[in-house]
Amino acid sequence: MDYLVTDLLEEILLGLPLKSVFRFKTVSKQWRSILESRRFVDMRLKKVQKKLKILAVGEGRTKSGFEGDEEIEMIYLHCDDATQPSLTFDGLVCIPKPGWINVLNPSTRQLRRFPCSPDHPVSPFCLNRQLRAWPYLTFFPGNWAMGFGRDKVNGCYKVVRMCFDPVEECEVLDLETGEWRKLNPPGPPFHDIDVGRKSVCVNGSIYWLKLLWDLKLLALNLHTLEFRYVSIPHTWFTLDTQIMNLEDRLAIAKTHGGPEWELEILSMMDSEEELWTKTYSITLASIIIGLPWEHSWFTVVTVSKLGNLVLYDKHKRLFKYNTKTNEICCLSSNISVISLCLENLAPLRSDSGHHPDPDPEDYKIRISSCGLCLKHPEAGISTLVVDR
């Protein structure tokens, strides 16, 4: 093995199961250097996703593998923090807390905490009014507009926080260095973006939705740290409009109310010319709960290898839509879906600024100190537990 060229050794190591990857970091300095390199991490992220996995949380667990033409494996986070508003990208989970940004990598079972600036005071009256007026929105601590994604030029993961009231403030955290950088907040008309709507990262830019008075998207390039805005067809102006990353394309979805109940998805086919195309139209009448005038929303998790859509709704139900037969079936009636679960070996910066030691025994200690559990007793699959 000492005489194998690096490219061939990389191909062999790419075929290893996840546990072996961590063990083989101790074989030699060369192997450790390969397995921790950004090149290997990126290749593994692209090539090793063999089975459809979904990251979820809560007590409504379902067994691994659903009946049907393709298997779906459920990976569970079982902790109070995981029920808090979160952002995900490339399999990493960002959970903002007052005074801290928590980032979890379920694949490596690393949990890192990054200190952040104090939250600005938000009156209880303002928060209660927001929740009553927009019960389907998600508000982060301190009423920040949050973003999480990856700089596609240098590969660094970054967290973005923006505040517009009572002061205007914008800052970006680089997870690799652990340092915050102040930015000039975007000016009008984006000082009133919908704070309660989750952002999405696509091809190195984070997008936030603005629905007040007109329908636009605010975009931040994570490499140049420059803001710009993107136009959306005005016929898509509804309170239920959502944005998402669908097959590495920026997409927006809206739900038409009763009696027909239909979910339409529009995808940006050309980001430079901002060309949008309707890619899906899904009939929902058979699965809708509630009255025709009530608001309802659906979020697409992913498109499977067979071309089927996996999506969930506000009632904690998970569905699969068959694009060939136009049939939609319920996979679980009580599950809190977080995101698609990708195997990502990207190391998270430790408190000292160094990557964690790959020694298996030390790795177990770090897992224990982070409160991460290894096995689901019933399904026999990896289960992640993060204690507060």
Protein backbone atom coordinates (compact mmCIF):
# COMPACT_ATOMS: atom_id res chain seq x y z
CA MET A 1 0.00 0.00 0.00
CA ASP A 2 2.94 2.36 0.56
CA TYR A 3 3.69 2.35 -3.17
CA LEU A 4 0.17 3.19 -4.42
CA VAL A 5 -0.11 6.50 -6.22
CA THR A 6 -2.26 9.06 -4.43
CA ASP A 7 -5.09 9.04 -7.01
CA LEU A 8 -5.50 5.26 -6.76
CA LEU A 9 -5.33 5.37 -2.97
CA GLU A 10 -8.06 8.04 -2.94
CA GLU A 11 -10.33 5.81 -5.05
CA ILE A 12 -9.80 2.90 -2.65
CA LEU A 13 -10.45 5.05 0.42
CA LEU A 14 -13.62 6.49 -1.17
CA GLY A 15 -15.15 3.02 -1.05
CA LEU A 16 -14.68 2.65 2.72
CA PRO A 17 -17.62 2.65 5.14
CA LEU A 18 -17.80 5.70 7.37
CA LYS A 19 -16.38 4.00 10.49
CA SER A 20 -13.34 2.80 8.57
CA VAL A 21 -12.62 6.31 7.34
CA PHE A 22 -12.10 7.50 10.92
CA ARG A 23 -10.05 4.44 11.87
CA PHE A 24 -7.79 4.70 8.85
CA LYS A 25 -6.81 8.26 9.74
CA THR A 26 -4.46 6.67 12.28
CA VAL A 27 -2.69 4.40 9.75
CA SER A 28 -0.20 6.99 8.57
CA LYS A 29 0.30 10.71 8.08
CA GLN A 30 -0.26 10.24 4.36
CA TRP A 31 -3.63 8.56 4.86
CA ARG A 32 -4.68 11.15 7.41
CA SER A 33 -3.69 13.95 5.05
CA ILE A 34 -5.75 12.39 2.24
CA LEU A 35 -8.81 11.67 4.36
CA GLU A 36 -8.87 15.19 5.84
CA SER A 37 -8.15 17.00 2.58
CA ARG A 38 -10.86 19.18 1.08
CA ARG A 39 -10.48 17.31 -2.21
CA PHE A 40 -11.34 13.97 -0.56
CA VAL A 41 -14.19 15.48 1.48
CA ASP A 42 -15.72 16.97 -1.67
CA MET A 43 -15.36 13.74 -3.67
CA ARG A 44 -16.91 11.74 -0.84
CA LEU A 45 -19.81 14.19 -0.60
CA LYS A 46 -20.56 13.75 -4.31
CA LYS A 47 -19.96 10.02 -4.76
CA VAL A 48 -20.98 8.18 -1.61
CA GLN A 49 -24.67 9.09 -1.36
CA LYS A 50 -25.92 5.56 -2.13
CA LYS A 51 -29.14 5.56 -0.13
CA LEU A 52 -31.78 8.24 0.34
CA LYS A 53 -31.52 9.45 3.95
CA ILE A 54 -33.66 12.01 5.74
CA LEU A 55 -32.71 13.83 8.94
CA ALA A 56 -35.62 14.14 11.39
CA VAL A 57 -36.37 14.87 15.02
CA GLY A 58 -39.05 14.07 17.58
CA GLU A 59 -40.91 11.16 19.10
CA GLY A 60 -42.89 10.15 16.01
CA ARG A 61 -40.20 7.80 14.74
CA THR A 62 -40.72 5.39 11.92
CA LYS A 63 -38.68 2.33 11.02
CA SER A 64 -35.82 2.49 8.56
CA GLY A 65 -37.04 1.78 5.06
CA PHE A 66 -40.49 2.51 3.66
CA GLU A 67 -42.46 0.13 1.54
CA GLY A 68 -42.29 0.95 -2.13
CA ASP A 69 -39.90 1.07 -5.05
CA GLU A 70 -37.06 2.75 -3.15
CA GLU A 71 -35.79 2.65 0.40
CA ILE A 72 -35.56 5.70 2.63
CA GLU A 73 -33.47 5.64 5.78
CA MET A 74 -34.37 7.92 8.68
CA ILE A 75 -31.63 9.48 10.81
CA TYR A 76 -32.91 11.05 14.04
CA LEU A 77 -31.71 13.92 16.18
CA HIS A 78 -33.23 13.41 19.62
CA CYS A 79 -32.81 16.53 21.73
CA ASP A 80 -34.56 19.74 22.72
CA ASP A 81 -32.18 21.92 20.72
CA ALA A 82 -32.96 20.04 17.50
CA THR A 83 -36.60 21.16 17.76
CA GLN A 84 -35.46 24.79 17.65
CA PRO A 85 -35.37 26.71 14.34
CA SER A 86 -32.40 25.50 12.31
CA LEU A 87 -30.69 25.83 8.93
CA THR A 88 -29.05 23.03 6.97
CA PHE A 89 -26.63 22.70 4.08
CA ASP A 90 -24.59 19.76 2.75
CA GLY A 91 -25.72 17.64 5.69
CA LEU A 92 -24.56 20.16 8.32
CA VAL A 93 -27.10 21.58 10.78
CA CYS A 94 -26.87 25.13 12.14
CA ILE A 95 -28.91 25.82 15.30
CA PRO A 96 -28.74 29.48 16.42
CA LYS A 97 -29.12 30.04 20.16
CA PRO A 98 -28.91 33.26 22.19
CA GLY A 99 -25.22 34.15 22.31
CA TRP A 100 -24.13 31.09 20.32
CA ILE A 101 -24.18 29.52 16.88
CA ASN A 102 -24.27 25.72 17.21
CA VAL A 103 -23.19 23.67 14.18
CA LEU A 104 -23.61 19.90 14.07
CA ASN A 105 -22.16 17.43 11.59
CA PRO A 106 -24.23 14.23 11.98
CA SER A 107 -21.75 12.24 9.86
CA THR A 108 -18.67 12.97 11.98
CA ARG A 109 -20.74 13.43 15.17
CA GLN A 110 -19.05 16.74 15.84
CA LEU A 111 -20.82 19.58 17.59
CA ARG A 112 -19.17 23.00 17.68
CA ARG A 113 -20.30 26.21 19.39
CA PHE A 114 -19.30 29.62 18.07
CA PRO A 115 -19.91 32.72 20.23
CA CYS A 116 -21.82 35.54 18.55
CA SER A 117 -22.74 39.11 19.39
CA PRO A 118 -25.64 39.65 21.82
CA ASP A 119 -29.16 39.70 20.47
CA HIS A 120 -30.95 43.01 20.26
CA PRO A 121 -33.99 43.23 22.54
CA VAL A 122 -37.28 42.32 20.91
CA SER A 123 -40.45 43.16 22.81
CA PRO A 124 -42.76 40.24 23.74
CA PHE A 125 -45.63 42.20 22.20
CA CYS A 126 -43.81 42.27 18.85
CA LEU A 127 -43.05 38.54 18.95
CA ASN A 128 -46.62 37.60 19.92
CA ARG A 129 -47.99 39.79 17.14
CA GLN A 130 -45.67 38.10 14.63
CA LEU A 131 -46.69 34.61 15.72
CA ARG A 132 -50.39 35.45 15.59
CA ALA A 133 -50.17 37.13 12.20
CA TRP A 134 -47.85 34.59 10.58
CA PRO A 135 -48.10 31.26 12.49
CA TYR A 136 -46.44 29.39 9.60
CA LEU A 137 -43.19 31.39 9.82
CA THR A 138 -40.03 30.52 11.75
CA PHE A 139 -38.36 33.18 13.87
CA PHE A 140 -34.78 32.83 15.10
CA PRO A 141 -33.56 34.14 18.49
CA GLY A 142 -33.22 37.92 18.49
CA ASN A 143 -35.39 38.22 15.37
CA TRP A 144 -32.33 37.83 13.11
CA ALA A 145 -32.59 36.95 9.44
CA MET A 146 -30.30 33.92 9.25
CA GLY A 147 -28.38 32.26 6.42
CA PHE A 148 -26.14 29.18 6.21
CA GLY A 149 -24.22 27.86 3.22
CA ARG A 150 -20.91 27.28 1.48
CA ASP A 151 -18.57 29.56 -0.42
CA LYS A 152 -18.22 27.62 -3.67
CA VAL A 153 -14.84 29.24 -4.49
CA ASN A 154 -12.83 28.33 -1.37
CA GLY A 155 -15.19 25.70 0.08
CA CYS A 156 -15.67 27.41 3.48
CA TYR A 157 -19.00 27.12 5.29
CA LYS A 158 -20.42 30.41 6.54
CA VAL A 159 -23.23 31.66 8.77
CA VAL A 160 -24.91 35.02 8.09
CA ARG A 161 -26.95 37.12 10.54
CA MET A 162 -28.88 40.26 9.61
CA CYS A 163 -30.88 42.53 11.87
CA PHE A 164 -33.12 45.37 10.66
CA ASP A 165 -34.95 46.41 13.84
CA PRO A 166 -34.18 48.08 16.25
CA VAL A 167 -30.79 48.57 14.52
CA GLU A 168 -29.41 47.56 11.13
CA GLU A 169 -26.57 45.08 11.40
CA CYS A 170 -25.04 42.31 9.27
CA GLU A 171 -22.23 39.85 10.10
CA VAL A 172 -20.73 36.69 8.61
CA LEU A 173 -19.08 33.79 10.47
CA ASP A 174 -16.42 31.67 8.74
CA LEU A 175 -16.61 28.20 10.33
CA GLU A 176 -13.04 27.38 9.33
CA THR A 177 -11.44 30.33 11.13
CA GLY A 178 -14.18 30.91 13.71
CA GLU A 179 -14.05 34.65 12.98
CA TRP A 180 -16.92 37.07 12.40
CA ARG A 181 -16.80 39.80 9.76
CA LYS A 182 -19.03 42.86 9.76
CA LEU A 183 -20.82 43.80 6.52
CA ASN A 184 -22.80 46.82 5.50
CA PRO A 185 -26.44 45.70 5.69
CA PRO A 186 -28.42 45.85 2.47
CA GLY A 187 -30.30 49.09 1.98
CA PRO A 188 -33.84 49.64 0.72
CA PRO A 189 -35.87 47.86 -0.46
CA PHE A 190 -34.44 44.94 1.54
CA HIS A 191 -34.53 46.39 5.03
CA ASP A 192 -37.95 44.73 5.32
CA ILE A 193 -37.27 41.18 4.09
CA ASP A 194 -39.43 38.53 5.73
CA VAL A 195 -37.31 37.66 8.76
CA GLY A 196 -39.47 34.66 9.62
CA ARG A 197 -38.90 32.89 6.32
CA LYS A 198 -35.98 30.51 6.08
CA SER A 199 -33.22 31.32 3.63
CA VAL A 200 -31.64 28.88 1.18
CA CYS A 201 -28.13 28.50 -0.25
CA VAL A 202 -27.68 27.65 -3.92
CA ASN A 203 -24.37 27.63 -5.83
CA GLY A 204 -22.51 29.76 -3.30
CA SER A 205 -25.21 32.39 -2.67
CA ILE A 206 -27.76 32.71 0.12
CA TYR A 207 -31.26 33.90 -0.78
CA TRP A 208 -33.90 35.57 1.43
CA LEU A 209 -37.50 36.16 0.40
CA LYS A 210 -39.22 39.55 0.47
CA LEU A 211 -43.01 39.55 0.16
CA LEU A 212 -43.98 42.99 1.48
CA TRP A 213 -45.39 45.19 -1.32
CA ASP A 214 -43.57 43.22 -4.01
CA LEU A 215 -42.01 39.80 -4.51
CA LYS A 216 -38.21 39.76 -4.68
CA LEU A 217 -35.22 37.79 -3.48
CA LEU A 218 -32.22 39.22 -1.69
CA ALA A 219 -29.02 37.31 -2.54
CA LEU A 220 -25.60 37.38 -0.86
CA ASN A 221 -22.58 35.93 -2.66
CA LEU A 222 -20.65 34.12 0.09
CA HIS A 223 -17.30 34.64 -1.67
CA THR A 224 -17.49 38.30 -2.70
CA LEU A 225 -19.90 39.15 0.18
CA GLU A 226 -21.86 41.37 -2.19
CA PHE A 227 -25.65 41.74 -2.12
CA ARG A 228 -27.93 41.75 -5.13
CA TYR A 229 -31.62 41.20 -5.72
CA VAL A 230 -33.43 38.71 -7.95
CA SER A 231 -36.88 39.15 -9.47
CA ILE A 232 -39.66 36.56 -9.31
CA PRO A 233 -42.86 36.46 -11.39
CA HIS A 234 -45.43 38.53 -9.48
CA THR A 235 -48.10 35.88 -9.99
CA TRP A 236 -46.25 33.96 -7.26
CA PHE A 237 -47.07 36.50 -4.58
CA THR A 238 -48.74 34.47 -1.79
CA LEU A 239 -48.16 34.15 1.92
CA ASP A 240 -47.38 30.46 1.43
CA THR A 241 -44.57 31.02 -1.09
CA GLN A 242 -41.36 29.26 -0.08
CA ILE A 243 -37.86 29.05 -1.52
CA MET A 244 -35.67 25.94 -1.64
CA ASN A 245 -32.62 24.30 -3.17
CA LEU A 246 -33.94 21.68 -5.54
CA GLU A 247 -31.26 19.66 -7.37
CA ASP A 248 -28.78 22.53 -7.01
CA ARG A 249 -31.24 25.02 -8.51
CA LEU A 250 -33.04 27.86 -6.80
CA ALA A 251 -36.73 26.98 -6.65
CA ILE A 252 -39.89 28.57 -5.26
CA ALA A 253 -43.09 26.77 -4.34
CA LYS A 254 -46.60 27.91 -3.56
CA THR A 255 -49.77 26.09 -2.60
CA HIS A 256 -53.07 26.92 -4.29
CA GLY A 257 -56.01 26.68 -1.89
CA GLY A 258 -59.21 24.69 -2.15
CA PRO A 259 -61.12 23.23 -3.70
CA GLU A 260 -58.46 22.13 -6.21
CA TRP A 261 -55.42 22.26 -3.85
CA GLU A 262 -52.30 22.22 -5.98
CA LEU A 263 -48.58 22.65 -5.28
CA GLU A 264 -46.63 24.44 -8.01
CA ILE A 265 -42.84 24.57 -8.14
CA LEU A 266 -40.89 27.06 -10.22
CA SER A 267 -37.13 26.55 -10.81
CA MET A 268 -34.52 29.02 -11.99
CA MET A 269 -32.99 27.43 -15.09
CA ASP A 270 -30.53 30.28 -15.78
CA SER A 271 -29.27 32.29 -12.80
CA GLU A 272 -27.56 34.94 -14.93
CA GLU A 273 -30.61 35.76 -17.00
CA GLU A 274 -33.02 34.88 -14.15
CA LEU A 275 -35.09 32.54 -16.31
CA TRP A 276 -37.78 30.65 -14.39
CA THR A 277 -39.61 27.50 -15.53
CA LYS A 278 -42.46 25.58 -13.91
CA THR A 279 -41.01 22.15 -13.12
CA TYR A 280 -43.74 20.47 -11.04
CA SER A 281 -47.48 20.72 -10.52
CA ILE A 282 -48.79 18.36 -7.83
CA THR A 283 -52.44 17.72 -6.95
CA LEU A 284 -52.96 17.76 -3.19
CA ALA A 285 -56.73 17.40 -2.80
CA SER A 286 -56.52 13.82 -1.50
CA ILE A 287 -54.14 14.63 1.38
CA ILE A 288 -55.20 18.10 2.55
CA ILE A 289 -56.21 18.56 6.18
CA GLY A 290 -58.26 21.63 7.08
CA LEU A 291 -60.71 24.02 5.49
CA PRO A 292 -60.39 25.39 1.93
CA TRP A 293 -59.59 28.94 3.11
CA GLU A 294 -56.89 27.91 5.56
CA HIS A 295 -53.22 28.42 4.76
CA SER A 296 -51.19 25.31 4.05
CA TRP A 297 -47.62 24.78 2.97
CA PHE A 298 -45.45 21.92 1.71
CA THR A 299 -41.66 21.73 1.63
CA VAL A 300 -39.80 19.52 -0.85
CA VAL A 301 -36.93 17.63 0.80
CA THR A 302 -35.34 16.13 -2.30
CA VAL A 303 -35.81 14.46 -5.66
CA SER A 304 -34.96 10.76 -5.44
CA LYS A 305 -32.80 8.86 -7.90
CA LEU A 306 -35.98 7.54 -9.52
CA GLY A 307 -37.26 11.09 -10.01
CA ASN A 308 -39.83 11.03 -7.20
CA LEU A 309 -40.33 14.01 -4.90
CA VAL A 310 -40.10 13.60 -1.13
CA LEU A 311 -41.94 16.39 0.70
CA TYR A 312 -43.56 17.21 4.04
CA ASP A 313 -46.30 19.55 5.24
CA LYS A 314 -47.07 21.69 8.28
CA HIS A 315 -48.91 18.77 9.92
CA LYS A 316 -45.66 16.75 10.32
CA ARG A 317 -46.54 14.36 7.51
CA LEU A 318 -43.98 12.96 5.07
CA PHE A 319 -45.01 12.19 1.49
CA LYS A 320 -43.61 10.75 -1.70
CA TYR A 321 -44.89 11.99 -5.04
CA ASN A 322 -44.49 9.67 -8.04
CA THR A 323 -43.83 11.91 -11.04
CA LYS A 324 -44.69 9.11 -13.51
CA THR A 325 -48.08 8.12 -12.10
CA ASN A 326 -48.93 11.51 -10.51
CA GLU A 327 -49.73 9.66 -7.28
CA ILE A 328 -48.86 10.92 -3.82
CA CYS A 329 -48.64 8.64 -0.79
CA CYS A 330 -48.08 9.31 2.91
CA LEU A 331 -44.90 7.73 4.32
CA SER A 332 -45.30 8.94 7.90
CA SER A 333 -48.09 10.80 9.68
CA ASN A 334 -46.06 12.15 12.62
CA ILE A 335 -42.48 13.14 11.88
CA SER A 336 -40.59 16.42 12.15
CA VAL A 337 -38.35 16.52 9.10
CA ILE A 338 -35.22 18.69 9.23
CA SER A 339 -33.65 18.11 5.82
CA LEU A 340 -32.07 15.68 3.44
CA CYS A 341 -29.22 13.89 5.23
CA LEU A 342 -25.91 13.85 3.34
CA GLU A 343 -22.71 12.15 4.45
CA ASN A 344 -20.25 15.00 4.87
CA LEU A 345 -16.77 14.48 6.31
CA ALA A 346 -16.03 18.20 6.57
CA PRO A 347 -14.28 18.75 9.94
CA LEU A 348 -15.63 21.46 12.21
CA ARG A 349 -13.23 23.85 13.90
CA SER A 350 -12.60 23.05 17.57
CA ASP A 351 -12.48 25.68 20.31
CA SER A 352 -8.69 25.80 20.02
CA GLY A 353 -8.84 26.39 16.29
CA HIS A 354 -7.52 22.92 15.39
CA HIS A 355 -9.25 19.96 13.82
CA PRO A 356 -10.14 17.19 16.28
CA ASP A 357 -7.67 14.35 16.78
CA PRO A 358 -8.78 11.35 14.69
CA ASP A 359 -7.67 8.82 17.31
CA PRO A 360 -10.65 6.44 17.81
CA GLU A 361 -10.52 6.55 21.63
CA ASP A 362 -10.24 10.33 21.69
CA TYR A 363 -13.03 10.46 19.12
CA LYS A 364 -15.29 8.48 21.47
CA ILE A 365 -14.55 10.94 24.26
CA ARG A 366 -15.44 13.85 22.01
CA ILE A 367 -18.67 12.11 21.03
CA SER A 368 -19.55 11.56 24.67
CA SER A 369 -18.75 15.15 25.62
CA CYS A 370 -21.00 16.37 22.83
CA GLY A 371 -23.82 14.12 24.05
CA LEU A 372 -24.01 12.08 20.86
CA CYS A 373 -25.41 8.58 20.95
CA LEU A 374 -24.51 5.97 18.34
CA LYS A 375 -27.37 3.53 17.82
CA HIS A 376 -31.13 3.48 17.52
CA PRO A 377 -32.15 0.45 19.64
CA GLU A 378 -35.09 -0.50 17.44
CA ALA A 379 -34.08 0.20 13.85
CA GLY A 380 -30.35 -0.40 14.39
CA ILE A 381 -29.38 2.74 12.52
CA SER A 382 -27.34 5.73 13.56
CA THR A 383 -29.17 7.98 15.97
CA LEU A 384 -27.78 11.31 17.04
CA VAL A 385 -28.57 12.76 20.43
CA VAL A 386 -27.49 16.30 21.29
CA ASP A 387 -28.02 17.30 24.90
CA ARG A 388 -28.37 20.96 25.81
